[in-house]
Amino acid sequence: MGLSESLRSVGKVLKLSRKPDMDELKLSLKICFLGMIAVGIFGFIIQLIASLLLGIRG
């Protein structure tokens, strides 16, 4: 795939894309924030378990 084909492909995608309306934007933001919160909680649980395990051993 050459450069000209890549540029044509990008052009096609840009022609098909559109600006999301407010409901779609709100839904996307909710999903992103829920994902960030889930990752944060998961990381916190891992950190808590690791600190408990190291606290017992040390």
Protein backbone atom coordinates (compact mmCIF):
# COMPACT_ATOMS: atom_id res chain seq x y z
CA MET A 1 0.00 0.00 0.00
CA GLY A 2 1.58 3.22 -1.17
CA LEU A 3 1.30 6.74 0.12
CA SER A 4 -1.33 7.76 -2.42
CA GLU A 5 -3.54 4.79 -1.47
CA SER A 6 -3.19 5.65 2.20
CA LEU A 7 -4.18 9.25 1.55
CA ARG A 8 -7.21 8.12 -0.47
CA SER A 9 -8.22 5.81 2.35
CA VAL A 10 -7.94 8.65 4.86
CA GLY A 11 -10.00 10.85 2.56
CA LYS A 12 -12.76 8.25 2.35
CA VAL A 13 -12.89 7.94 6.12
CA LEU A 14 -13.06 11.71 6.54
CA LYS A 15 -15.90 11.94 4.03
CA LEU A 16 -17.92 9.32 5.91
CA SER A 17 -17.25 10.75 9.36
CA ARG A 18 -19.55 13.24 11.00
CA LYS A 19 -19.68 15.27 14.18
CA PRO A 20 -21.47 13.38 16.98
CA ASP A 21 -24.62 14.87 18.43
CA MET A 22 -24.86 15.71 22.12
CA ASP A 23 -26.39 12.35 23.15
CA GLU A 24 -23.62 10.37 21.43
CA LEU A 25 -20.98 12.60 23.00
CA LYS A 26 -22.45 12.17 26.48
CA LEU A 27 -22.61 8.40 26.04
CA SER A 28 -18.99 8.26 24.86
CA LEU A 29 -17.86 10.35 27.82
CA LYS A 30 -19.77 8.15 30.27
CA ILE A 31 -18.19 5.01 28.82
CA CYS A 32 -14.70 6.54 28.94
CA PHE A 33 -15.10 7.72 32.53
CA LEU A 34 -16.50 4.36 33.65
CA GLY A 35 -13.53 2.65 32.00
CA MET A 36 -11.06 4.95 33.75
CA ILE A 37 -12.76 4.39 37.09
CA ALA A 38 -12.72 0.61 36.57
CA VAL A 39 -9.00 0.65 35.71
CA GLY A 40 -8.30 2.84 38.74
CA ILE A 41 -10.21 0.54 41.09
CA PHE A 42 -8.46 -2.49 39.61
CA GLY A 43 -5.05 -0.85 40.10
CA PHE A 44 -5.93 0.14 43.65
CA ILE A 45 -6.96 -3.43 44.50
CA ILE A 46 -3.71 -4.79 43.06
CA GLN A 47 -1.72 -2.22 45.06
CA LEU A 48 -3.66 -3.07 48.22
CA ILE A 49 -3.08 -6.81 47.80
CA ALA A 50 0.62 -6.26 47.08
CA SER A 51 1.09 -4.03 50.11
CA LEU A 52 -0.75 -6.52 52.33
CA LEU A 53 1.39 -9.40 51.07
CA LEU A 54 4.62 -7.46 51.49
CA GLY A 55 3.49 -6.25 54.92
CA ILE A 56 2.90 -9.81 56.09
CA ARG A 57 6.25 -11.04 54.75
CA GLY A 58 8.29 -8.06 55.94
